[in-house]
Amino acid sequence: MRSLSPDRWVVARRSAGDASPYLRGINSIQLLKDGERYWIVNVFWDNETPETQIPEKYLTSPTH
């Protein structure tokens, strides 16, 4: 069995034309492949706040 745990930061906009997001945060999804299919093991998300800001290493994605 193989386990994957991709971490990704996300933004939320009310419409595609919004200049800036109204919400940012981190999503973490842990998957397990049993040889035939993937199973969702864990899903975690946390919104960014002034006390818990997104680490710089996650802000380097060219898609955001």
PDB file of N, CA and C in Angstrom:
ATOM      1  N   MET A   1       0.837  -1.179   0.000  1.00  0.00           N
ATOM      2  CA  MET A   1       0.000   0.000   0.000  1.00  0.00           C
ATOM      3  C   MET A   1       0.880   1.240   0.000  1.00  0.00           C
ATOM      4  N   ARG A   2       0.391   2.272  -0.636  1.00  0.00           N
ATOM      5  CA  ARG A   2       1.129   3.512  -0.748  1.00  0.00           C
ATOM      6  C   ARG A   2       0.277   4.650  -0.225  1.00  0.00           C
ATOM      7  N   SER A   3       0.890   5.555   0.511  1.00  0.00           N
ATOM      8  CA  SER A   3       0.162   6.688   1.069  1.00  0.00           C
ATOM      9  C   SER A   3       0.687   7.977   0.453  1.00  0.00           C
ATOM     10  N   LEU A   4      -0.222   8.861   0.055  1.00  0.00           N
ATOM     11  CA  LEU A   4       0.133  10.174  -0.487  1.00  0.00           C
ATOM     12  C   LEU A   4      -0.459  11.231   0.418  1.00  0.00           C
ATOM     13  N   SER A   5       0.262  12.317   0.613  1.00  0.00           N
ATOM     14  CA  SER A   5      -0.262  13.399   1.434  1.00  0.00           C
ATOM     15  C   SER A   5       0.103  14.748   0.812  1.00  0.00           C
ATOM     16  N   PRO A   6      -0.613  15.168  -0.222  1.00  0.00           N
ATOM     17  CA  PRO A   6      -0.314  16.458  -0.841  1.00  0.00           C
ATOM     18  C   PRO A   6      -0.880  17.611  -0.018  1.00  0.00           C
ATOM     19  N   ASP A   7      -0.039  18.592   0.314  1.00  0.00           N
ATOM     20  CA  ASP A   7      -0.499  19.800   1.000  1.00  0.00           C
ATOM     21  C   ASP A   7      -0.584  20.908  -0.028  1.00  0.00           C
ATOM     22  N   ARG A   8      -1.585  21.728   0.084  1.00  0.00           N
ATOM     23  CA  ARG A   8      -1.804  22.762  -0.920  1.00  0.00           C
ATOM     24  C   ARG A   8      -2.513  23.935  -0.271  1.00  0.00           C
ATOM     25  N   TRP A   9      -2.074  25.133  -0.629  1.00  0.00           N
ATOM     26  CA  TRP A   9      -2.802  26.299  -0.141  1.00  0.00           C
ATOM     27  C   TRP A   9      -3.824  26.688  -1.184  1.00  0.00           C
ATOM     28  N   VAL A  10      -4.926  27.242  -0.751  1.00  0.00           N
ATOM     29  CA  VAL A  10      -6.036  27.568  -1.639  1.00  0.00           C
ATOM     30  C   VAL A  10      -6.553  28.976  -1.361  1.00  0.00           C
ATOM     31  N   VAL A  11      -7.217  29.527  -2.339  1.00  0.00           N
ATOM     32  CA  VAL A  11      -7.875  30.818  -2.178  1.00  0.00           C
ATOM     33  C   VAL A  11      -9.339  30.664  -2.565  1.00  0.00           C
ATOM     34  N   ALA A  12     -10.183  31.514  -2.007  1.00  0.00           N
ATOM     35  CA  ALA A  12     -11.606  31.489  -2.341  1.00  0.00           C
ATOM     36  C   ALA A  12     -12.012  32.871  -2.837  1.00  0.00           C
ATOM     37  N   ARG A  13     -12.661  32.873  -3.976  1.00  0.00           N
ATOM     38  CA  ARG A  13     -13.197  34.101  -4.556  1.00  0.00           C
ATOM     39  C   ARG A  13     -14.689  33.901  -4.789  1.00  0.00           C
ATOM     40  N   ARG A  14     -15.449  34.952  -4.679  1.00  0.00           N
ATOM     41  CA  ARG A  14     -16.893  34.853  -4.922  1.00  0.00           C
ATOM     42  C   ARG A  14     -17.206  34.753  -6.414  1.00  0.00           C
ATOM     43  N   SER A  15     -16.316  35.341  -7.246  1.00  0.00           N
ATOM     44  CA  SER A  15     -16.457  35.208  -8.700  1.00  0.00           C
ATOM     45  C   SER A  15     -15.073  35.248  -9.332  1.00  0.00           C
ATOM     46  N   ALA A  16     -14.950  34.733 -10.535  1.00  0.00           N
ATOM     47  CA  ALA A  16     -13.653  34.658 -11.208  1.00  0.00           C
ATOM     48  C   ALA A  16     -13.043  36.032 -11.442  1.00  0.00           C
ATOM     49  N   GLY A  17     -13.855  37.067 -11.522  1.00  0.00           N
ATOM     50  CA  GLY A  17     -13.351  38.407 -11.769  1.00  0.00           C
ATOM     51  C   GLY A  17     -12.873  39.149 -10.534  1.00  0.00           C
ATOM     52  N   ASP A  18     -13.031  38.584  -9.345  1.00  0.00           N
ATOM     53  CA  ASP A  18     -12.579  39.252  -8.123  1.00  0.00           C
ATOM     54  C   ASP A  18     -11.065  39.449  -8.148  1.00  0.00           C
ATOM     55  N   ALA A  19     -10.634  40.656  -7.803  1.00  0.00           N
ATOM     56  CA  ALA A  19      -9.199  40.969  -7.821  1.00  0.00           C
ATOM     57  C   ALA A  19      -8.433  40.253  -6.714  1.00  0.00           C
ATOM     58  N   SER A  20      -9.044  40.076  -5.573  1.00  0.00           N
ATOM     59  CA  SER A  20      -8.350  39.405  -4.474  1.00  0.00           C
ATOM     60  C   SER A  20      -9.309  38.435  -3.779  1.00  0.00           C
ATOM     61  N   PRO A  21      -8.758  37.404  -3.153  1.00  0.00           N
ATOM     62  CA  PRO A  21      -9.618  36.419  -2.483  1.00  0.00           C
ATOM     63  C   PRO A  21     -10.187  36.969  -1.178  1.00  0.00           C
ATOM     64  N   TYR A  22     -11.329  36.444  -0.772  1.00  0.00           N
ATOM     65  CA  TYR A  22     -11.877  36.807   0.532  1.00  0.00           C
ATOM     66  C   TYR A  22     -11.454  35.810   1.609  1.00  0.00           C
ATOM     67  N   LEU A  23     -10.813  34.702   1.188  1.00  0.00           N
ATOM     68  CA  LEU A  23     -10.395  33.673   2.128  1.00  0.00           C
ATOM     69  C   LEU A  23      -9.196  32.929   1.561  1.00  0.00           C
ATOM     70  N   ARG A  24      -8.207  32.647   2.422  1.00  0.00           N
ATOM     71  CA  ARG A  24      -7.068  31.811   2.034  1.00  0.00           C
ATOM     72  C   ARG A  24      -6.865  30.778   3.129  1.00  0.00           C
ATOM     73  N   GLY A  25      -6.239  29.664   2.765  1.00  0.00           N
ATOM     74  CA  GLY A  25      -5.993  28.641   3.763  1.00  0.00           C
ATOM     75  C   GLY A  25      -5.178  27.492   3.205  1.00  0.00           C
ATOM     76  N   ILE A  26      -5.025  26.451   3.999  1.00  0.00           N
ATOM     77  CA  ILE A  26      -4.266  25.254   3.632  1.00  0.00           C
ATOM     78  C   ILE A  26      -5.223  24.067   3.617  1.00  0.00           C
ATOM     79  N   ASN A  27      -5.132  23.268   2.565  1.00  0.00           N
ATOM     80  CA  ASN A  27      -5.853  21.995   2.485  1.00  0.00           C
ATOM     81  C   ASN A  27      -4.832  20.872   2.484  1.00  0.00           C
ATOM     82  N   SER A  28      -5.096  19.833   3.222  1.00  0.00           N
ATOM     83  CA  SER A  28      -4.239  18.655   3.230  1.00  0.00           C
ATOM     84  C   SER A  28      -5.136  17.429   3.093  1.00  0.00           C
ATOM     85  N   ILE A  29      -4.862  16.627   2.071  1.00  0.00           N
ATOM     86  CA  ILE A  29      -5.659  15.426   1.810  1.00  0.00           C
ATOM     87  C   ILE A  29      -4.727  14.225   1.810  1.00  0.00           C
ATOM     88  N   GLN A  30      -4.987  13.266   2.668  1.00  0.00           N
ATOM     89  CA  GLN A  30      -4.165  12.062   2.745  1.00  0.00           C
ATOM     90  C   GLN A  30      -4.913  10.931   2.052  1.00  0.00           C
ATOM     91  N   LEU A  31      -4.235  10.313   1.076  1.00  0.00           N
ATOM     92  CA  LEU A  31      -4.820   9.226   0.304  1.00  0.00           C
ATOM     93  C   LEU A  31      -4.038   7.945   0.523  1.00  0.00           C
ATOM     94  N   LEU A  32      -4.703   6.822   0.385  1.00  0.00           N
ATOM     95  CA  LEU A  32      -4.066   5.511   0.492  1.00  0.00           C
ATOM     96  C   LEU A  32      -4.449   4.702  -0.737  1.00  0.00           C
ATOM     97  N   LYS A  33      -3.446   4.174  -1.441  1.00  0.00           N
ATOM     98  CA  LYS A  33      -3.727   3.324  -2.604  1.00  0.00           C
ATOM     99  C   LYS A  33      -3.479   1.885  -2.194  1.00  0.00           C
ATOM    100  N   ASP A  34      -4.499   1.050  -2.331  1.00  0.00           N
ATOM    101  CA  ASP A  34      -4.396  -0.348  -1.905  1.00  0.00           C
ATOM    102  C   ASP A  34      -3.999  -1.279  -3.045  1.00  0.00           C
ATOM    103  N   GLY A  35      -3.533  -0.717  -4.154  1.00  0.00           N
ATOM    104  CA  GLY A  35      -3.161  -1.519  -5.306  1.00  0.00           C
ATOM    105  C   GLY A  35      -4.197  -1.453  -6.408  1.00  0.00           C
ATOM    106  N   GLU A  36      -5.427  -1.145  -6.046  1.00  0.00           N
ATOM    107  CA  GLU A  36      -6.490  -1.060  -7.030  1.00  0.00           C
ATOM    108  C   GLU A  36      -7.135   0.325  -7.098  1.00  0.00           C
ATOM    109  N   ARG A  37      -7.255   0.973  -5.968  1.00  0.00           N
ATOM    110  CA  ARG A  37      -7.918   2.277  -5.934  1.00  0.00           C
ATOM    111  C   ARG A  37      -7.366   3.124  -4.815  1.00  0.00           C
ATOM    112  N   TYR A  38      -7.704   4.400  -4.842  1.00  0.00           N
ATOM    113  CA  TYR A  38      -7.334   5.317  -3.771  1.00  0.00           C
ATOM    114  C   TYR A  38      -8.472   5.423  -2.766  1.00  0.00           C
ATOM    115  N   TRP A  39      -8.113   5.489  -1.488  1.00  0.00           N
ATOM    116  CA  TRP A  39      -9.060   5.704  -0.403  1.00  0.00           C
ATOM    117  C   TRP A  39      -8.693   7.017   0.277  1.00  0.00           C
ATOM    118  N   ILE A  40      -9.685   7.824   0.617  1.00  0.00           N
ATOM    119  CA  ILE A  40      -9.432   9.042   1.381  1.00  0.00           C
ATOM    120  C   ILE A  40      -9.284   8.651   2.840  1.00  0.00           C
ATOM    121  N   VAL A  41      -8.110   8.927   3.390  1.00  0.00           N
ATOM    122  CA  VAL A  41      -7.819   8.583   4.778  1.00  0.00           C
ATOM    123  C   VAL A  41      -8.127   9.757   5.699  1.00  0.00           C
ATOM    124  N   ASN A  42      -7.757  10.962   5.256  1.00  0.00           N
ATOM    125  CA  ASN A  42      -7.904  12.124   6.106  1.00  0.00           C
ATOM    126  C   ASN A  42      -8.034  13.369   5.236  1.00  0.00           C
ATOM    127  N   VAL A  43      -8.890  14.295   5.639  1.00  0.00           N
ATOM    128  CA  VAL A  43      -9.013  15.590   4.991  1.00  0.00           C
ATOM    129  C   VAL A  43      -8.939  16.642   6.094  1.00  0.00           C
ATOM    130  N   PHE A  44      -8.074  17.632   5.881  1.00  0.00           N
ATOM    131  CA  PHE A  44      -7.882  18.682   6.876  1.00  0.00           C
ATOM    132  C   PHE A  44      -7.799  20.016   6.159  1.00  0.00           C
ATOM    133  N   TRP A  45      -8.434  21.041   6.699  1.00  0.00           N
ATOM    134  CA  TRP A  45      -8.280  22.378   6.151  1.00  0.00           C
ATOM    135  C   TRP A  45      -8.260  23.363   7.297  1.00  0.00           C
ATOM    136  N   ASP A  46      -7.553  24.461   7.066  1.00  0.00           N
ATOM    137  CA  ASP A  46      -7.456  25.506   8.077  1.00  0.00           C
ATOM    138  C   ASP A  46      -7.381  26.850   7.361  1.00  0.00           C
ATOM    139  N   ASN A  47      -8.227  27.777   7.748  1.00  0.00           N
ATOM    140  CA  ASN A  47      -8.213  29.103   7.148  1.00  0.00           C
ATOM    141  C   ASN A  47      -7.072  29.930   7.710  1.00  0.00           C
ATOM    142  N   GLU A  48      -6.518  30.789   6.879  1.00  0.00           N
ATOM    143  CA  GLU A  48      -5.463  31.696   7.316  1.00  0.00           C
ATOM    144  C   GLU A  48      -6.065  32.769   8.222  1.00  0.00           C
ATOM    145  N   THR A  49      -5.361  33.083   9.307  1.00  0.00           N
ATOM    146  CA  THR A  49      -5.746  34.162  10.217  1.00  0.00           C
ATOM    147  C   THR A  49      -4.495  34.997  10.493  1.00  0.00           C
ATOM    148  N   PRO A  50      -4.626  36.144  11.129  1.00  0.00           N
ATOM    149  CA  PRO A  50      -3.421  36.910  11.478  1.00  0.00           C
ATOM    150  C   PRO A  50      -2.457  36.115  12.367  1.00  0.00           C
ATOM    151  N   GLU A  51      -2.988  35.223  13.189  1.00  0.00           N
ATOM    152  CA  GLU A  51      -2.143  34.417  14.080  1.00  0.00           C
ATOM    153  C   GLU A  51      -1.549  33.198  13.383  1.00  0.00           C
ATOM    154  N   THR A  52      -2.230  32.669  12.372  1.00  0.00           N
ATOM    155  CA  THR A  52      -1.761  31.472  11.659  1.00  0.00           C
ATOM    156  C   THR A  52      -1.704  31.755  10.165  1.00  0.00           C
ATOM    157  N   GLN A  53      -0.630  32.413   9.747  1.00  0.00           N
ATOM    158  CA  GLN A  53      -0.482  32.767   8.336  1.00  0.00           C
ATOM    159  C   GLN A  53       0.116  31.605   7.552  1.00  0.00           C
ATOM    160  N   ILE A  54      -0.166  31.583   6.241  1.00  0.00           N
ATOM    161  CA  ILE A  54       0.341  30.531   5.369  1.00  0.00           C
ATOM    162  C   ILE A  54       1.868  30.663   5.284  1.00  0.00           C
ATOM    163  N   PRO A  55       2.621  29.587   5.546  1.00  0.00           N
ATOM    164  CA  PRO A  55       4.084  29.649   5.452  1.00  0.00           C
ATOM    165  C   PRO A  55       4.542  30.017   4.037  1.00  0.00           C
ATOM    166  N   GLU A  56       5.612  30.778   3.947  1.00  0.00           N
ATOM    167  CA  GLU A  56       6.139  31.258   2.671  1.00  0.00           C
ATOM    168  C   GLU A  56       6.396  30.134   1.672  1.00  0.00           C
ATOM    169  N   LYS A  57       6.830  28.963   2.160  1.00  0.00           N
ATOM    170  CA  LYS A  57       7.148  27.859   1.238  1.00  0.00           C
ATOM    171  C   LYS A  57       5.932  27.392   0.445  1.00  0.00           C
ATOM    172  N   TYR A  58       4.717  27.638   0.947  1.00  0.00           N
ATOM    173  CA  TYR A  58       3.510  27.233   0.242  1.00  0.00           C
ATOM    174  C   TYR A  58       2.989  28.328  -0.709  1.00  0.00           C
ATOM    175  N   LEU A  59       3.551  29.520  -0.640  1.00  0.00           N
ATOM    176  CA  LEU A  59       3.078  30.630  -1.453  1.00  0.00           C
ATOM    177  C   LEU A  59       3.818  30.772  -2.777  1.00  0.00           C
ATOM    178  N   THR A  60       4.631  29.805  -3.147  1.00  0.00           N
ATOM    179  CA  THR A  60       5.446  29.920  -4.353  1.00  0.00           C
ATOM    180  C   THR A  60       4.830  29.240  -5.564  1.00  0.00           C
ATOM    181  N   SER A  61       3.612  28.745  -5.463  1.00  0.00           N
ATOM    182  CA  SER A  61       2.955  28.060  -6.569  1.00  0.00           C
ATOM    183  C   SER A  61       2.689  29.043  -7.712  1.00  0.00           C
ATOM    184  N   PRO A  62       3.034  28.682  -8.942  1.00  0.00           N
ATOM    185  CA  PRO A  62       2.792  29.575 -10.073  1.00  0.00           C
ATOM    186  C   PRO A  62       1.315  29.714 -10.423  1.00  0.00           C
ATOM    187  N   THR A  63       0.442  28.866  -9.871  1.00  0.00           N
ATOM    188  CA  THR A  63      -0.986  28.940 -10.191  1.00  0.00           C
ATOM    189  C   THR A  63      -1.741  29.881  -9.282  1.00  0.00           C
ATOM    190  N   HIS A  64      -1.091  30.453  -8.247  1.00  0.00           N
ATOM    191  CA  HIS A  64      -1.801  31.355  -7.332  1.00  0.00           C
ATOM    192  C   HIS A  64      -1.144  32.696  -7.329  1.00  0.00           C
TER     193      HIS A  64
END
